[in-house]
C-alpha atoms as a PDB file:
ATOM      1  CA  UNK A   1       3.870  16.102  12.551  1.00  0.00           C
ATOM      2  CA  UNK A   2       5.476  12.886  11.344  1.00  0.00           C
ATOM      3  CA  UNK A   3       4.823  10.462   8.477  1.00  0.00           C
ATOM      4  CA  UNK A   4       5.534   6.736   8.709  1.00  0.00           C
ATOM      5  CA  UNK A   5       6.302   5.271   5.277  1.00  0.00           C
ATOM      6  CA  UNK A   6       5.341   1.583   5.380  1.00  0.00           C
ATOM      7  CA  UNK A   7       7.419  -0.514   2.941  1.00  0.00           C
ATOM      8  CA  UNK A   8       6.660  -4.261   2.683  1.00  0.00           C
ATOM      9  CA  UNK A   9       9.348  -6.137   0.742  1.00  0.00           C
ATOM     10  CA  UNK A  10       9.600  -9.748  -0.368  1.00  0.00           C
ATOM     11  CA  UNK A  11      11.909 -11.124  -3.078  1.00  0.00           C
ATOM     12  CA  UNK A  12      12.744  -7.666  -4.455  1.00  0.00           C
ATOM     13  CA  UNK A  13      16.554  -7.954  -4.556  1.00  0.00           C
ATOM     14  CA  UNK A  14      16.799  -6.258  -7.966  1.00  0.00           C
ATOM     15  CA  UNK A  15      14.875  -3.124  -6.982  1.00  0.00           C
ATOM     16  CA  UNK A  16      14.850  -2.793  -3.189  1.00  0.00           C
ATOM     17  CA  UNK A  17      18.132  -0.859  -2.838  1.00  0.00           C
ATOM     18  CA  UNK A  18      17.056   1.777  -5.354  1.00  0.00           C
ATOM     19  CA  UNK A  19      13.562   1.970  -3.872  1.00  0.00           C
ATOM     20  CA  UNK A  20      14.845   2.448  -0.329  1.00  0.00           C
ATOM     21  CA  UNK A  21      17.421   5.053  -1.367  1.00  0.00           C
ATOM     22  CA  UNK A  22      14.792   6.974  -3.333  1.00  0.00           C
ATOM     23  CA  UNK A  23      12.340   6.851  -0.430  1.00  0.00           C
ATOM     24  CA  UNK A  24      14.968   7.936   2.091  1.00  0.00           C
ATOM     25  CA  UNK A  25      15.940  10.894  -0.120  1.00  0.00           C
ATOM     26  CA  UNK A  26      12.426  11.972  -1.138  1.00  0.00           C
ATOM     27  CA  UNK A  27      11.414  15.270   0.463  1.00  0.00           C
ATOM     28  CA  UNK A  28       8.552  15.515   2.927  1.00  0.00           C
ATOM     29  CA  UNK A  29       8.307  19.301   3.308  1.00  0.00           C
ATOM     30  CA  UNK A  30       7.376  20.523   6.763  1.00  0.00           C
ATOM     31  CA  UNK A  31       7.156  17.125   8.452  1.00  0.00           C
ATOM     32  CA  UNK A  32       9.434  14.506   9.929  1.00  0.00           C
ATOM     33  CA  UNK A  33       9.494  11.019   8.440  1.00  0.00           C
ATOM     34  CA  UNK A  34      10.433   7.477   9.365  1.00  0.00           C
ATOM     35  CA  UNK A  35      10.777   4.463   7.103  1.00  0.00           C
ATOM     36  CA  UNK A  36       9.240   1.256   8.425  1.00  0.00           C
ATOM     37  CA  UNK A  37      10.562  -1.655   6.357  1.00  0.00           C
ATOM     38  CA  UNK A  38       8.945  -5.077   6.734  1.00  0.00           C
ATOM     39  CA  UNK A  39      11.020  -7.889   5.232  1.00  0.00           C
ATOM     40  CA  UNK A  40       9.263 -11.251   4.895  1.00  0.00           C
ATOM     41  CA  UNK A  41      12.237 -13.657   4.833  1.00  0.00           C
ATOM     42  CA  UNK A  42      12.980 -13.478   1.114  1.00  0.00           C
ATOM     43  CA  UNK A  43      14.885 -16.202  -0.680  1.00  0.00           C
ATOM     44  CA  UNK A  44      16.774 -13.976  -3.119  1.00  0.00           C
ATOM     45  CA  UNK A  45      19.048 -11.893  -0.890  1.00  0.00           C
ATOM     46  CA  UNK A  46      16.559  -9.087  -0.243  1.00  0.00           C
ATOM     47  CA  UNK A  47      16.871  -9.445   3.537  1.00  0.00           C
ATOM     48  CA  UNK A  48      20.638  -8.895   3.476  1.00  0.00           C
ATOM     49  CA  UNK A  49      20.269  -5.767   1.336  1.00  0.00           C
ATOM     50  CA  UNK A  50      17.551  -4.388   3.592  1.00  0.00           C
ATOM     51  CA  UNK A  51      19.560  -5.048   6.743  1.00  0.00           C
ATOM     52  CA  UNK A  52      22.630  -3.337   5.298  1.00  0.00           C
ATOM     53  CA  UNK A  53      20.617  -0.310   4.208  1.00  0.00           C
ATOM     54  CA  UNK A  54      18.888   0.020   7.586  1.00  0.00           C
ATOM     55  CA  UNK A  55      22.187  -0.264   9.480  1.00  0.00           C
ATOM     56  CA  UNK A  56      23.743   2.468   7.342  1.00  0.00           C
ATOM     57  CA  UNK A  57      20.839   4.885   7.721  1.00  0.00           C
ATOM     58  CA  UNK A  58      20.337   4.158  11.405  1.00  0.00           C
ATOM     59  CA  UNK A  59      23.911   5.296  11.975  1.00  0.00           C
ATOM     60  CA  UNK A  60      23.002   8.628  10.361  1.00  0.00           C
ATOM     61  CA  UNK A  61      19.586   9.094  11.958  1.00  0.00           C
ATOM     62  CA  UNK A  62      18.591   6.478  14.559  1.00  0.00           C
ATOM     63  CA  UNK A  63      14.947   7.549  14.704  1.00  0.00           C
ATOM     64  CA  UNK A  64      14.577   7.634  10.909  1.00  0.00           C
ATOM     65  CA  UNK A  65      14.184   3.929  10.212  1.00  0.00           C
ATOM     66  CA  UNK A  66      12.598   0.832  11.702  1.00  0.00           C
ATOM     67  CA  UNK A  67      13.078  -2.732  10.497  1.00  0.00           C
ATOM     68  CA  UNK A  68      10.580  -5.530  11.062  1.00  0.00           C
ATOM     69  CA  UNK A  69      11.801  -9.030  10.160  1.00  0.00           C
ATOM     70  CA  UNK A  70       9.066 -11.589   9.604  1.00  0.00           C
ATOM     71  CA  UNK A  71       9.922 -15.268  10.044  1.00  0.00           C
ATOM     72  CA  UNK A  72       8.024 -16.185   6.886  1.00  0.00           C
ATOM     73  CA  UNK A  73       6.041 -14.571   4.102  1.00  0.00           C
ATOM     74  CA  UNK A  74       2.388 -14.212   5.110  1.00  0.00           C
ATOM     75  CA  UNK A  75       1.262 -11.819   2.392  1.00  0.00           C
ATOM     76  CA  UNK A  76       1.466  -8.109   1.693  1.00  0.00           C
ATOM     77  CA  UNK A  77      -1.508  -7.344   3.918  1.00  0.00           C
ATOM     78  CA  UNK A  78       0.093  -9.066   6.891  1.00  0.00           C
ATOM     79  CA  UNK A  79       3.336  -7.141   6.350  1.00  0.00           C
ATOM     80  CA  UNK A  80       1.583  -3.774   6.059  1.00  0.00           C
ATOM     81  CA  UNK A  81      -0.494  -4.415   9.180  1.00  0.00           C
ATOM     82  CA  UNK A  82       2.629  -5.306  11.127  1.00  0.00           C
ATOM     83  CA  UNK A  83       4.381  -2.210   9.790  1.00  0.00           C
ATOM     84  CA  UNK A  84       1.542   0.068  10.850  1.00  0.00           C
ATOM     85  CA  UNK A  85       1.604  -1.466  14.324  1.00  0.00           C
ATOM     86  CA  UNK A  86       5.364  -0.784  14.566  1.00  0.00           C
ATOM     87  CA  UNK A  87       5.145   2.802  13.290  1.00  0.00           C
ATOM     88  CA  UNK A  88       4.933   6.026  15.286  1.00  0.00           C
ATOM     89  CA  UNK A  89       3.843   8.647  12.743  1.00  0.00           C
ATOM     90  CA  UNK A  90       0.738  10.823  12.709  1.00  0.00           C
ATOM     91  CA  UNK A  91       0.353   9.975   9.004  1.00  0.00           C
ATOM     92  CA  UNK A  92       0.620   6.568   7.337  1.00  0.00           C
ATOM     93  CA  UNK A  93       1.914   6.298   3.754  1.00  0.00           C
ATOM     94  CA  UNK A  94       2.085   2.861   2.113  1.00  0.00           C
ATOM     95  CA  UNK A  95       4.902   2.456  -0.433  1.00  0.00           C
ATOM     96  CA  UNK A  96       5.363  -0.729  -2.471  1.00  0.00           C
ATOM     97  CA  UNK A  97       8.796  -2.368  -2.374  1.00  0.00           C
ATOM     98  CA  UNK A  98       9.282  -2.246  -6.155  1.00  0.00           C
ATOM     99  CA  UNK A  99       9.668   0.653  -8.588  1.00  0.00           C
ATOM    100  CA  UNK A 100       6.135   0.804 -10.004  1.00  0.00           C
ATOM    101  CA  UNK A 101       5.373   3.746  -7.694  1.00  0.00           C
ATOM    102  CA  UNK A 102       7.776   6.682  -7.381  1.00  0.00           C
ATOM    103  CA  UNK A 103       8.782   8.217  -4.060  1.00  0.00           C
ATOM    104  CA  UNK A 104       8.916  11.548  -5.901  1.00  0.00           C
ATOM    105  CA  UNK A 105       5.119  11.622  -5.582  1.00  0.00           C
ATOM    106  CA  UNK A 106       5.259  11.665  -1.769  1.00  0.00           C
ATOM    107  CA  UNK A 107       5.128  15.479  -1.399  1.00  0.00           C
ATOM    108  CA  UNK A 108       1.995  15.731  -3.562  1.00  0.00           C
ATOM    109  CA  UNK A 109       0.339  12.882  -1.661  1.00  0.00           C
ATOM    110  CA  UNK A 110       1.140  14.351   1.745  1.00  0.00           C
ATOM    111  CA  UNK A 111       0.337  17.986   0.988  1.00  0.00           C
ATOM    112  CA  UNK A 112      -3.488  17.775   1.295  1.00  0.00           C
ATOM    113  CA  UNK A 113      -3.180  16.112   4.713  1.00  0.00           C
ATOM    114  CA  UNK A 114      -0.480  18.464   6.007  1.00  0.00           C
ATOM    115  CA  UNK A 115      -2.537  21.478   4.877  1.00  0.00           C
ATOM    116  CA  UNK A 116      -5.685  20.085   6.522  1.00  0.00           C
ATOM    117  CA  UNK A 117      -7.587  19.682   3.252  1.00  0.00           C
ATOM    118  CA  UNK A 118      -8.039  15.910   3.558  1.00  0.00           C
ATOM    119  CA  UNK A 119      -7.586  13.061   6.012  1.00  0.00           C
ATOM    120  CA  UNK A 120      -7.305  10.309   3.382  1.00  0.00           C
ATOM    121  CA  UNK A 121      -5.499  10.504   0.028  1.00  0.00           C
ATOM    122  CA  UNK A 122      -5.193   8.027  -2.838  1.00  0.00           C
ATOM    123  CA  UNK A 123      -2.567   8.255  -5.567  1.00  0.00           C
ATOM    124  CA  UNK A 124      -4.523   7.688  -8.778  1.00  0.00           C
ATOM    125  CA  UNK A 125      -2.781   5.985 -11.674  1.00  0.00           C
ATOM    126  CA  UNK A 126      -5.732   6.859 -13.924  1.00  0.00           C
ATOM    127  CA  UNK A 127      -5.461  10.599 -13.286  1.00  0.00           C
ATOM    128  CA  UNK A 128      -1.733  10.342 -13.864  1.00  0.00           C
ATOM    129  CA  UNK A 129      -2.035   8.735 -17.306  1.00  0.00           C
ATOM    130  CA  UNK A 130      -3.414   9.838 -20.661  1.00  0.00           C
ATOM    131  CA  UNK A 131      -4.964   6.410 -21.233  1.00  0.00           C
ATOM    132  CA  UNK A 132      -7.323   4.144 -19.290  1.00  0.00           C
ATOM    133  CA  UNK A 133      -4.842   1.266 -19.596  1.00  0.00           C
ATOM    134  CA  UNK A 134      -2.935   1.157 -16.304  1.00  0.00           C
ATOM    135  CA  UNK A 135      -0.945  -1.997 -17.033  1.00  0.00           C
ATOM    136  CA  UNK A 136       1.294  -2.675 -20.023  1.00  0.00           C
ATOM    137  CA  UNK A 137       2.506  -6.085 -21.152  1.00  0.00           C
ATOM    138  CA  UNK A 138       4.366  -5.680 -24.465  1.00  0.00           C
ATOM    139  CA  UNK A 139       4.052  -8.837 -26.542  1.00  0.00           C
ATOM    140  CA  UNK A 140       1.113 -10.191 -24.523  1.00  0.00           C
ATOM    141  CA  UNK A 141      -2.013  -8.249 -25.541  1.00  0.00           C
ATOM    142  CA  UNK A 142      -4.368 -10.883 -24.105  1.00  0.00           C
ATOM    143  CA  UNK A 143      -2.924 -10.565 -20.579  1.00  0.00           C
ATOM    144  CA  UNK A 144      -2.852  -6.775 -20.937  1.00  0.00           C
ATOM    145  CA  UNK A 145      -6.523  -6.710 -21.968  1.00  0.00           C
ATOM    146  CA  UNK A 146      -7.534  -9.132 -19.195  1.00  0.00           C
ATOM    147  CA  UNK A 147      -5.887  -7.122 -16.406  1.00  0.00           C
ATOM    148  CA  UNK A 148      -6.966  -3.699 -17.630  1.00  0.00           C
ATOM    149  CA  UNK A 149     -10.593  -4.643 -18.275  1.00  0.00           C
ATOM    150  CA  UNK A 150     -10.604  -6.476 -14.951  1.00  0.00           C
ATOM    151  CA  UNK A 151      -9.414  -3.331 -13.191  1.00  0.00           C
ATOM    152  CA  UNK A 152     -12.182  -1.239 -14.760  1.00  0.00           C
ATOM    153  CA  UNK A 153     -14.834  -3.758 -13.703  1.00  0.00           C
ATOM    154  CA  UNK A 154     -13.509  -4.098 -10.149  1.00  0.00           C
ATOM    155  CA  UNK A 155     -13.381  -0.334  -9.705  1.00  0.00           C
ATOM    156  CA  UNK A 156     -16.937   0.033 -11.023  1.00  0.00           C
ATOM    157  CA  UNK A 157     -18.171  -2.718  -8.699  1.00  0.00           C
ATOM    158  CA  UNK A 158     -16.492  -1.083  -5.699  1.00  0.00           C
ATOM    159  CA  UNK A 159     -17.960   2.325  -6.541  1.00  0.00           C
ATOM    160  CA  UNK A 160     -21.414   0.805  -6.883  1.00  0.00           C
ATOM    161  CA  UNK A 161     -21.183  -1.033  -3.564  1.00  0.00           C
ATOM    162  CA  UNK A 162     -19.821   1.958  -1.631  1.00  0.00           C
ATOM    163  CA  UNK A 163     -21.524   4.800  -3.516  1.00  0.00           C
ATOM    164  CA  UNK A 164     -18.218   6.373  -4.546  1.00  0.00           C
ATOM    165  CA  UNK A 165     -16.764   7.802  -7.769  1.00  0.00           C
ATOM    166  CA  UNK A 166     -13.134   6.827  -7.326  1.00  0.00           C
ATOM    167  CA  UNK A 167     -10.913   6.370 -10.367  1.00  0.00           C
ATOM    168  CA  UNK A 168      -8.374   4.066  -8.690  1.00  0.00           C
ATOM    169  CA  UNK A 169      -9.333   2.463  -5.345  1.00  0.00           C
ATOM    170  CA  UNK A 170      -6.754  -0.303  -5.882  1.00  0.00           C
ATOM    171  CA  UNK A 171      -3.756   2.013  -6.033  1.00  0.00           C
ATOM    172  CA  UNK A 172      -0.982   0.959  -3.676  1.00  0.00           C
ATOM    173  CA  UNK A 173      -0.408   4.617  -2.725  1.00  0.00           C
ATOM    174  CA  UNK A 174      -2.715   4.992   0.260  1.00  0.00           C
ATOM    175  CA  UNK A 175      -2.031   7.878   2.655  1.00  0.00           C
ATOM    176  CA  UNK A 176      -4.115   8.706   5.714  1.00  0.00           C
ATOM    177  CA  UNK A 177      -4.001  10.190   9.174  1.00  0.00           C
ATOM    178  CA  UNK A 178      -3.416   7.563  11.817  1.00  0.00           C
ATOM    179  CA  UNK A 179      -6.592   8.554  13.641  1.00  0.00           C
ATOM    180  CA  UNK A 180      -8.608   7.435  10.599  1.00  0.00           C
ATOM    181  CA  UNK A 181      -8.029   3.916  11.920  1.00  0.00           C
ATOM    182  CA  UNK A 182      -9.670   4.685  15.272  1.00  0.00           C
ATOM    183  CA  UNK A 183     -12.486   2.178  15.584  1.00  0.00           C
ATOM    184  CA  UNK A 184     -11.104   0.056  12.725  1.00  0.00           C
ATOM    185  CA  UNK A 185      -9.307  -3.304  12.781  1.00  0.00           C
ATOM    186  CA  UNK A 186      -7.489  -4.360   9.612  1.00  0.00           C
ATOM    187  CA  UNK A 187      -7.530  -8.123   9.130  1.00  0.00           C
ATOM    188  CA  UNK A 188      -6.436  -8.931   5.550  1.00  0.00           C
ATOM    189  CA  UNK A 189      -3.224 -10.836   4.859  1.00  0.00           C
ATOM    190  CA  UNK A 190      -2.929 -10.587   1.069  1.00  0.00           C
ATOM    191  CA  UNK A 191      -3.696  -7.942  -1.557  1.00  0.00           C
ATOM    192  CA  UNK A 192      -7.284  -7.725  -0.293  1.00  0.00           C
ATOM    193  CA  UNK A 193      -5.923  -5.251   2.268  1.00  0.00           C
ATOM    194  CA  UNK A 194      -5.952  -2.677  -0.542  1.00  0.00           C
ATOM    195  CA  UNK A 195      -9.719  -3.034  -0.732  1.00  0.00           C
ATOM    196  CA  UNK A 196     -10.161  -3.290   3.025  1.00  0.00           C
ATOM    197  CA  UNK A 197      -8.431   0.014   3.813  1.00  0.00           C
ATOM    198  CA  UNK A 198     -10.535   1.994   1.343  1.00  0.00           C
ATOM    199  CA  UNK A 199     -13.747   0.165   2.255  1.00  0.00           C
ATOM    200  CA  UNK A 200     -13.426   0.667   5.997  1.00  0.00           C
ATOM    201  CA  UNK A 201     -12.217   4.264   5.858  1.00  0.00           C
ATOM    202  CA  UNK A 202     -15.038   5.172   3.472  1.00  0.00           C
ATOM    203  CA  UNK A 203     -17.507   3.539   5.862  1.00  0.00           C
ATOM    204  CA  UNK A 204     -15.938   5.633   8.632  1.00  0.00           C
ATOM    205  CA  UNK A 205     -16.873   8.731   6.648  1.00  0.00           C
ATOM    206  CA  UNK A 206     -13.456   9.586   5.161  1.00  0.00           C
ATOM    207  CA  UNK A 207     -13.938  10.373   1.466  1.00  0.00           C
ATOM    208  CA  UNK A 208     -10.585   9.897  -0.321  1.00  0.00           C
ATOM    209  CA  UNK A 209      -9.019  12.767  -2.195  1.00  0.00           C
ATOM    210  CA  UNK A 210      -7.379  11.421  -5.359  1.00  0.00           C
ATOM    211  CA  UNK A 211      -4.056  12.872  -6.522  1.00  0.00           C
ATOM    212  CA  UNK A 212      -2.473  12.014  -9.906  1.00  0.00           C
ATOM    213  CA  UNK A 213       0.741   9.998  -9.715  1.00  0.00           C
ATOM    214  CA  UNK A 214       3.300   8.491 -12.071  1.00  0.00           C
ATOM    215  CA  UNK A 215       3.111   4.735 -12.600  1.00  0.00           C
ATOM    216  CA  UNK A 216       5.610   2.349 -14.198  1.00  0.00           C
ATOM    217  CA  UNK A 217       3.844  -0.973 -14.732  1.00  0.00           C
ATOM    218  CA  UNK A 218       6.009  -4.080 -14.442  1.00  0.00           C
ATOM    219  CA  UNK A 219       5.394  -7.566 -15.800  1.00  0.00           C
ATOM    220  CA  UNK A 220       5.215 -10.933 -14.087  1.00  0.00           C
ATOM    221  CA  UNK A 221       8.674 -11.767 -15.371  1.00  0.00           C
ATOM    222  CA  UNK A 222       9.894  -8.721 -13.431  1.00  0.00           C
ATOM    223  CA  UNK A 223       8.491  -9.911 -10.126  1.00  0.00           C
ATOM    224  CA  UNK A 224       4.799  -8.962 -10.119  1.00  0.00           C
ATOM    225  CA  UNK A 225       3.136 -11.201  -7.525  1.00  0.00           C
ATOM    226  CA  UNK A 226      -0.586 -10.975  -8.294  1.00  0.00           C
ATOM    227  CA  UNK A 227      -2.190 -14.370  -8.962  1.00  0.00           C
ATOM    228  CA  UNK A 228      -4.177 -14.066 -12.182  1.00  0.00           C
ATOM    229  CA  UNK A 229      -7.171 -16.184 -11.204  1.00  0.00           C
ATOM    230  CA  UNK A 230      -7.381 -16.703  -7.446  1.00  0.00           C
ATOM    231  CA  UNK A 231      -6.679 -13.078  -6.445  1.00  0.00           C
ATOM    232  CA  UNK A 232      -9.590 -11.618  -8.483  1.00  0.00           C
ATOM    233  CA  UNK A 233     -11.969 -14.009  -6.731  1.00  0.00           C
ATOM    234  CA  UNK A 234     -10.576 -12.881  -3.377  1.00  0.00           C
ATOM    235  CA  UNK A 235     -11.073  -9.240  -4.398  1.00  0.00           C
ATOM    236  CA  UNK A 236     -14.737  -9.765  -5.242  1.00  0.00           C
ATOM    237  CA  UNK A 237     -15.184 -11.440  -1.879  1.00  0.00           C
ATOM    238  CA  UNK A 238     -13.342  -8.597  -0.134  1.00  0.00           C
ATOM    239  CA  UNK A 239     -15.454  -5.854  -1.731  1.00  0.00           C
ATOM    240  CA  UNK A 240     -18.654  -7.550  -0.563  1.00  0.00           C
ATOM    241  CA  UNK A 241     -17.322  -8.732   2.810  1.00  0.00           C
ATOM    242  CA  UNK A 242     -15.962  -5.386   3.933  1.00  0.00           C
ATOM    243  CA  UNK A 243     -19.158  -3.613   2.906  1.00  0.00           C
ATOM    244  CA  UNK A 244     -21.091  -5.460   5.589  1.00  0.00           C
ATOM    245  CA  UNK A 245     -18.605  -6.881   8.114  1.00  0.00           C
ATOM    246  CA  UNK A 246     -17.925  -5.123  11.457  1.00  0.00           C
ATOM    247  CA  UNK A 247     -15.318  -2.361  11.304  1.00  0.00           C
ATOM    248  CA  UNK A 248     -13.584  -3.797  14.361  1.00  0.00           C
ATOM    249  CA  UNK A 249     -12.510  -7.361  15.042  1.00  0.00           C
ATOM    250  CA  UNK A 250     -14.346  -9.141  17.797  1.00  0.00           C
ATOM    251  CA  UNK A 251     -12.831  -9.330  21.232  1.00  0.00           C
ATOM    252  CA  UNK A 252     -12.571 -13.126  20.856  1.00  0.00           C
ATOM    253  CA  UNK A 253     -10.559 -12.755  17.630  1.00  0.00           C
ATOM    254  CA  UNK A 254      -8.174 -10.276  19.240  1.00  0.00           C
ATOM    255  CA  UNK A 255      -7.688 -12.422  22.337  1.00  0.00           C
ATOM    256  CA  UNK A 256      -7.088 -15.502  20.180  1.00  0.00           C
ATOM    257  CA  UNK A 257      -4.424 -13.637  18.205  1.00  0.00           C
ATOM    258  CA  UNK A 258      -6.260 -13.963  14.894  1.00  0.00           C
ATOM    259  CA  UNK A 259      -5.661 -10.274  14.166  1.00  0.00           C
ATOM    260  CA  UNK A 260      -2.786  -7.954  15.050  1.00  0.00           C
END
């Protein structure tokens, strides 16, 4: 059994080296792993750091790392979709390219799948905290309130639409068997992919098992890329759209290259 760790990175020069080293070193007991890094032509030197890291590790273990270089940034969803297409593992684990999520949680996230107890796992920030406030913005209580209340409302809306009781459907830690995607086409280019994956796998009959994780919230001045007003509107649209849209892209869309 093998896990493919999908790592989209864009303009993360300050954190990407540490993140990649931590992910490379993190244990995955009982299974092989490969890192699939998707670099979206950053403007801050991230690409050079990623290339150097991949060259060094490839010399140690050629089958342990894959590098996908995008010509331009097309959004996190686009990068993750391309990474999944380039991967070879039986299990997919999505790891953000910053340090909000710790690679030390990988064993706990993988264990239920390796032991056959689940096919789909979510790393819950809520279960991993002693407070309902996921995000912290010291010195900016209005932004902190806006984002935390927004998260609660979005989660409640998703649970209502999909008849679930998930604490954290928007977590970036999504882990699932590759065969969960049989009969599913992922189409999102931005952060709406986070909703799409959960929505479509739930509709396929895979109820996520939530596992508590550590979470280190970062601010917008530290590189957070969420757009405060347009992204929430896209998320509402995504929750509704993926509740009723076909699970697979049409043949015409695939032939026209509108999905990968």
